[in-house]
Amino acid sequence: MVLDIDGINEMVKDYELESKAIKDELFRICWYMRGGVTYSESLMLSYEDREIISRIIEKNLEITKESGMNFF
């Protein structure tokens, strides 16, 4: 596949957006884990690992809201 300069620029923009989304997800995981996972460690998580941790976080948030307990 051969790309022109506009195609390359578009691809770079897409990669930048994906990179920012991944960083956002990793920082959120670190924040919710309260130091249980460092940012350096989070960089080693697979996509599947991040999905599992995110589901656990969401479930814990639901339980906290339903119980009325303080989360923060």
Protein backbone atom coordinates (compact mmCIF):
# COMPACT_ATOMS: atom_id res chain seq x y z
CA MET A 1 0.00 0.00 0.00
CA VAL A 2 1.40 3.36 -1.03
CA LEU A 3 0.26 6.50 0.76
CA ASP A 4 0.55 10.09 -0.32
CA ILE A 5 1.52 12.83 2.15
CA ASP A 6 -2.12 13.42 3.14
CA GLY A 7 -2.63 9.73 3.82
CA ILE A 8 0.51 9.63 5.95
CA ASN A 9 -0.56 12.72 7.89
CA GLU A 10 -3.97 11.18 8.53
CA MET A 11 -2.38 7.94 9.71
CA VAL A 12 -0.09 9.85 12.10
CA LYS A 13 -3.07 11.75 13.53
CA ASP A 14 -4.94 8.47 14.04
CA TYR A 15 -1.94 6.95 15.83
CA GLU A 16 -1.63 10.03 18.05
CA LEU A 17 -5.30 9.75 19.05
CA GLU A 18 -4.93 6.04 19.78
CA SER A 19 -1.79 6.69 21.81
CA LYS A 20 -3.54 9.36 23.89
CA ALA A 21 -6.51 7.06 24.50
CA ILE A 22 -4.23 4.28 25.73
CA LYS A 23 -2.32 6.67 28.01
CA ASP A 24 -5.61 7.94 29.42
CA GLU A 25 -6.75 4.38 30.12
CA LEU A 26 -3.44 3.47 31.78
CA PHE A 27 -3.41 6.56 34.02
CA ARG A 28 -7.01 5.84 35.06
CA ILE A 29 -6.10 2.26 35.94
CA CYS A 30 -3.16 3.50 38.02
CA TRP A 31 -5.36 6.05 39.80
CA TYR A 32 -8.10 3.54 40.60
CA MET A 33 -5.54 0.98 41.75
CA ARG A 34 -4.22 3.55 44.25
CA GLY A 35 -0.59 2.67 43.69
CA GLY A 36 -1.20 -1.06 43.27
CA VAL A 37 -0.06 -0.65 39.68
CA THR A 38 2.53 1.91 38.68
CA TYR A 39 2.50 3.63 35.31
CA SER A 40 5.62 1.69 34.31
CA GLU A 41 3.91 -1.57 35.21
CA SER A 42 0.74 -0.55 33.38
CA LEU A 43 2.74 -0.18 30.17
CA MET A 44 3.36 -3.93 30.31
CA LEU A 45 -0.36 -4.83 30.51
CA SER A 46 -1.86 -6.51 27.49
CA TYR A 47 -5.09 -5.31 25.92
CA GLU A 48 -6.89 -8.24 27.55
CA ASP A 49 -5.40 -7.38 30.96
CA ARG A 50 -6.58 -3.77 30.62
CA GLU A 51 -10.08 -4.94 29.67
CA ILE A 52 -10.27 -7.19 32.74
CA ILE A 53 -9.02 -4.50 35.11
CA SER A 54 -11.43 -1.96 33.61
CA ARG A 55 -14.37 -4.34 34.14
CA ILE A 56 -13.31 -4.89 37.76
CA ILE A 57 -13.10 -1.13 38.30
CA GLU A 58 -16.54 -0.58 36.73
CA LYS A 59 -18.07 -3.34 38.88
CA ASN A 60 -16.52 -1.87 42.03
CA LEU A 61 -17.85 1.58 41.12
CA GLU A 62 -21.36 0.13 40.67
CA ILE A 63 -21.21 -1.68 44.02
CA THR A 64 -19.94 1.46 45.74
CA LYS A 65 -22.74 3.59 44.27
CA GLU A 66 -25.40 1.03 45.19
CA SER A 67 -24.11 0.66 48.75
CA GLY A 68 -23.69 4.38 49.31
CA MET A 69 -20.13 3.88 50.55
CA ASN A 70 -17.49 6.51 49.90
CA PHE A 71 -15.25 5.62 47.00
CA PHE A 72 -12.87 8.54 46.96
